Every structure is written in structure tokens, then in C-alpha cells.
Amino acid sequence: MTGSHVRVDRLPDLSGGLAFGVWVLPTLRLPEPQRILTLGDLRLVLRDGRLALGDLPLDAPLEERTWTFVSFSVDADGAATLAARPQSELRGGPPQRTQGAVAPPVLRRFLEG
């Protein structure tokens, strides 16, 4: 495991879902996952510069050495949205975004409280 990350072991009741956002500064494109957040079995990672939430990746890698706001939301049914927007584009067009389902059993335990 490389880089700084957050690990969450216990959460309050998240039966309505959850949302998370953080600024990241990607500096190295490594083939092994660089964890940003661990929530049970669900991981928000960079792998080869590409942001992924579990098995849900963004299409393009994040820009190196560019502050980027990354966020995700997961509703109570496990539907997820993952997004990234470089600081330079905060006033510009839409962020890089993808949607899918990501709620493994351990995440469902967190969501159900």
C-alpha cells in the first residue's frame, strides 16, 4: 500500500446511503492500487492513475500533479456515482463521471447500520 489514505472501521447509521469527497494530488502512476479510502471491502483507489470505486473505474486517468476533487455517492440500494474534476476545471464543463452498482455485502452491513 502506498500513499496516504483513510480507513473507516465503524460508521453511524448510513441506511439512506453515503457520500464522500476529497481533494487528491496524484503524483505517481503505479500499477498497484493506491488507496484513498477503505470502507469494509469497498475501496476508493488510484490504479495506473485511474480512479476506481470497487470495480467501478473512471474511463480516463487523473492528471498527474494536478489537484483534483474526487467524490462518490452510494444509495441504500447500492447504486453508485463516481466523479472527478481537476481544480483547473471547477468553473468549466462537467466532471469525469461514471455510474454503476458497487455495494458488496460488507458495504451493505455499513449501510444498514
C-alpha atoms as a PDB file:
ATOM      1  CA  MET A   1       0.000   0.000   0.000  1.00  0.00           C
ATOM      2  CA  THR A   2       1.379   3.404  -0.974  1.00  0.00           C
ATOM      3  CA  GLY A   3       0.417   6.988  -0.239  1.00  0.00           C
ATOM      4  CA  SER A   4      -1.879   8.474   2.363  1.00  0.00           C
ATOM      5  CA  HIS A   5      -5.383   7.129   2.812  1.00  0.00           C
ATOM      6  CA  VAL A   6      -8.307   6.921   5.231  1.00  0.00           C
ATOM      7  CA  ARG A   7      -9.550   3.670   6.732  1.00  0.00           C
ATOM      8  CA  VAL A   8     -13.069   3.607   8.204  1.00  0.00           C
ATOM      9  CA  ASP A   9     -13.848   0.767  10.630  1.00  0.00           C
ATOM     10  CA  ARG A  10     -17.130   1.962  12.185  1.00  0.00           C
ATOM     11  CA  LEU A  11     -19.750   4.331  10.890  1.00  0.00           C
ATOM     12  CA  PRO A  12     -23.015   5.767  12.167  1.00  0.00           C
ATOM     13  CA  ASP A  13     -26.307   4.653  10.597  1.00  0.00           C
ATOM     14  CA  LEU A  14     -25.980   5.021   6.833  1.00  0.00           C
ATOM     15  CA  SER A  15     -29.229   3.315   5.889  1.00  0.00           C
ATOM     16  CA  GLY A  16     -30.033   6.175   3.499  1.00  0.00           C
ATOM     17  CA  GLY A  17     -26.675   5.843   1.696  1.00  0.00           C
ATOM     18  CA  LEU A  18     -23.455   7.801   1.869  1.00  0.00           C
ATOM     19  CA  ALA A  19     -21.418  10.405   0.035  1.00  0.00           C
ATOM     20  CA  PHE A  20     -17.694  11.146   0.230  1.00  0.00           C
ATOM     21  CA  GLY A  21     -15.463  13.785  -1.329  1.00  0.00           C
ATOM     22  CA  VAL A  22     -11.781  14.598  -1.047  1.00  0.00           C
ATOM     23  CA  TRP A  23      -9.066  16.550  -2.837  1.00  0.00           C
ATOM     24  CA  VAL A  24      -6.205  14.396  -4.181  1.00  0.00           C
ATOM     25  CA  LEU A  25      -2.881  15.233  -5.815  1.00  0.00           C
ATOM     26  CA  PRO A  26      -1.846  12.230  -7.926  1.00  0.00           C
ATOM     27  CA  THR A  27       1.944  12.140  -8.179  1.00  0.00           C
ATOM     28  CA  LEU A  28       2.785   8.607  -9.344  1.00  0.00           C
ATOM     29  CA  ARG A  29       1.028   6.210 -11.693  1.00  0.00           C
ATOM     30  CA  LEU A  30       1.631   2.856 -10.063  1.00  0.00           C
ATOM     31  CA  PRO A  31       0.176  -0.493 -11.186  1.00  0.00           C
ATOM     32  CA  GLU A  32      -0.732  -1.489  -7.609  1.00  0.00           C
ATOM     33  CA  PRO A  33      -3.746   0.234  -6.035  1.00  0.00           C
ATOM     34  CA  GLN A  34      -3.081   3.471  -4.142  1.00  0.00           C
ATOM     35  CA  ARG A  35      -5.850   3.601  -1.555  1.00  0.00           C
ATOM     36  CA  ILE A  36      -7.693   6.815  -0.828  1.00  0.00           C
ATOM     37  CA  LEU A  37     -10.491   5.359   1.331  1.00  0.00           C
ATOM     38  CA  THR A  38     -11.264   1.889   2.670  1.00  0.00           C
ATOM     39  CA  LEU A  39     -14.808   1.174   3.839  1.00  0.00           C
ATOM     40  CA  GLY A  40     -15.187  -2.507   4.645  1.00  0.00           C
ATOM     41  CA  ASP A  41     -14.473  -4.307   1.358  1.00  0.00           C
ATOM     42  CA  LEU A  42     -15.123  -1.184  -0.698  1.00  0.00           C
ATOM     43  CA  ARG A  43     -12.049   0.794  -1.728  1.00  0.00           C
ATOM     44  CA  LEU A  44     -11.623   4.121  -3.457  1.00  0.00           C
ATOM     45  CA  VAL A  45      -8.259   3.773  -5.200  1.00  0.00           C
ATOM     46  CA  LEU A  46      -5.982   5.039  -7.920  1.00  0.00           C
ATOM     47  CA  ARG A  47      -4.550   2.306 -10.138  1.00  0.00           C
ATOM     48  CA  ASP A  48      -2.295   3.344 -13.023  1.00  0.00           C
ATOM     49  CA  GLY A  49      -3.602   6.860 -12.420  1.00  0.00           C
ATOM     50  CA  ARG A  50      -7.222   5.815 -12.917  1.00  0.00           C
ATOM     51  CA  LEU A  51      -9.753   6.383 -10.125  1.00  0.00           C
ATOM     52  CA  ALA A  52     -11.947   3.422  -9.168  1.00  0.00           C
ATOM     53  CA  LEU A  53     -14.597   2.711  -6.562  1.00  0.00           C
ATOM     54  CA  GLY A  54     -14.511  -1.049  -6.097  1.00  0.00           C
ATOM     55  CA  ASP A  55     -14.916  -2.427  -9.635  1.00  0.00           C
ATOM     56  CA  LEU A  56     -16.323   0.865 -10.958  1.00  0.00           C
ATOM     57  CA  PRO A  57     -13.495   2.810 -12.717  1.00  0.00           C
ATOM     58  CA  LEU A  58     -13.434   6.162 -14.463  1.00  0.00           C
ATOM     59  CA  ASP A  59     -12.593   5.958 -18.176  1.00  0.00           C
ATOM     60  CA  ALA A  60      -9.504   8.184 -18.168  1.00  0.00           C
ATOM     61  CA  PRO A  61      -6.630   8.571 -15.716  1.00  0.00           C
ATOM     62  CA  LEU A  62      -6.461  11.632 -13.473  1.00  0.00           C
ATOM     63  CA  GLU A  63      -3.975  14.344 -14.429  1.00  0.00           C
ATOM     64  CA  GLU A  64      -0.639  13.930 -12.659  1.00  0.00           C
ATOM     65  CA  ARG A  65       0.405  16.671 -10.219  1.00  0.00           C
ATOM     66  CA  THR A  66      -2.988  18.380 -10.540  1.00  0.00           C
ATOM     67  CA  TRP A  67      -5.244  18.843  -7.516  1.00  0.00           C
ATOM     68  CA  THR A  68      -8.471  17.002  -8.307  1.00  0.00           C
ATOM     69  CA  PHE A  69     -11.706  16.798  -6.358  1.00  0.00           C
ATOM     70  CA  VAL A  70     -12.932  13.189  -6.341  1.00  0.00           C
ATOM     71  CA  SER A  71     -16.281  12.134  -4.955  1.00  0.00           C
ATOM     72  CA  PHE A  72     -18.688   9.259  -4.828  1.00  0.00           C
ATOM     73  CA  SER A  73     -22.155   8.535  -3.573  1.00  0.00           C
ATOM     74  CA  VAL A  74     -23.840   5.200  -2.916  1.00  0.00           C
ATOM     75  CA  ASP A  75     -27.555   4.966  -2.217  1.00  0.00           C
ATOM     76  CA  ALA A  76     -29.259   2.396   0.023  1.00  0.00           C
ATOM     77  CA  ASP A  77     -29.702   0.044  -2.972  1.00  0.00           C
ATOM     78  CA  GLY A  78     -26.003   0.129  -3.887  1.00  0.00           C
ATOM     79  CA  ALA A  79     -26.332   2.401  -6.931  1.00  0.00           C
ATOM     80  CA  ALA A  80     -23.169   4.493  -7.120  1.00  0.00           C
ATOM     81  CA  THR A  81     -21.819   7.572  -8.864  1.00  0.00           C
ATOM     82  CA  LEU A  82     -18.084   8.269  -9.051  1.00  0.00           C
ATOM     83  CA  ALA A  83     -16.757  11.639 -10.260  1.00  0.00           C
ATOM     84  CA  ALA A  84     -13.505  13.592 -10.593  1.00  0.00           C
ATOM     85  CA  ARG A  85     -12.892  17.227 -11.516  1.00  0.00           C
ATOM     86  CA  PRO A  86      -9.446  18.871 -11.751  1.00  0.00           C
ATOM     87  CA  GLN A  87      -9.100  22.171  -9.890  1.00  0.00           C
ATOM     88  CA  SER A  88      -8.494  23.943 -13.191  1.00  0.00           C
ATOM     89  CA  GLU A  89     -11.963  22.909 -14.426  1.00  0.00           C
ATOM     90  CA  LEU A  90     -14.039  23.852 -11.376  1.00  0.00           C
ATOM     91  CA  ARG A  91     -15.737  26.647 -13.301  1.00  0.00           C
ATOM     92  CA  GLY A  92     -15.780  24.749 -16.585  1.00  0.00           C
ATOM     93  CA  GLY A  93     -17.588  21.777 -18.045  1.00  0.00           C
ATOM     94  CA  PRO A  94     -18.907  18.620 -16.416  1.00  0.00           C
ATOM     95  CA  PRO A  95     -16.655  16.354 -14.351  1.00  0.00           C
ATOM     96  CA  GLN A  96     -15.451  12.956 -15.485  1.00  0.00           C
ATOM     97  CA  ARG A  97     -18.227  10.709 -14.153  1.00  0.00           C
ATOM     98  CA  THR A  98     -19.405   7.095 -14.177  1.00  0.00           C
ATOM     99  CA  GLN A  99     -22.321   5.227 -12.617  1.00  0.00           C
ATOM    100  CA  GLY A 100     -22.948   1.615 -11.606  1.00  0.00           C
ATOM    101  CA  ALA A 101     -23.586  -0.688  -8.658  1.00  0.00           C
ATOM    102  CA  VAL A 102     -20.888  -1.287  -6.040  1.00  0.00           C
ATOM    103  CA  ALA A 103     -22.477  -2.466  -2.801  1.00  0.00           C
ATOM    104  CA  PRO A 104     -20.719  -5.668  -1.709  1.00  0.00           C
ATOM    105  CA  PRO A 105     -22.040  -7.464   1.408  1.00  0.00           C
ATOM    106  CA  VAL A 106     -19.672  -5.642   3.778  1.00  0.00           C
ATOM    107  CA  LEU A 107     -20.787  -2.237   2.466  1.00  0.00           C
ATOM    108  CA  ARG A 108     -24.424  -3.298   2.876  1.00  0.00           C
ATOM    109  CA  ARG A 109     -23.637  -4.042   6.553  1.00  0.00           C
ATOM    110  CA  PHE A 110     -22.416  -0.427   6.916  1.00  0.00           C
ATOM    111  CA  LEU A 111     -25.406   0.975   5.028  1.00  0.00           C
ATOM    112  CA  GLU A 112     -27.856  -0.987   7.156  1.00  0.00           C
ATOM    113  CA  GLY A 113     -26.266   0.263  10.377  1.00  0.00           C
END
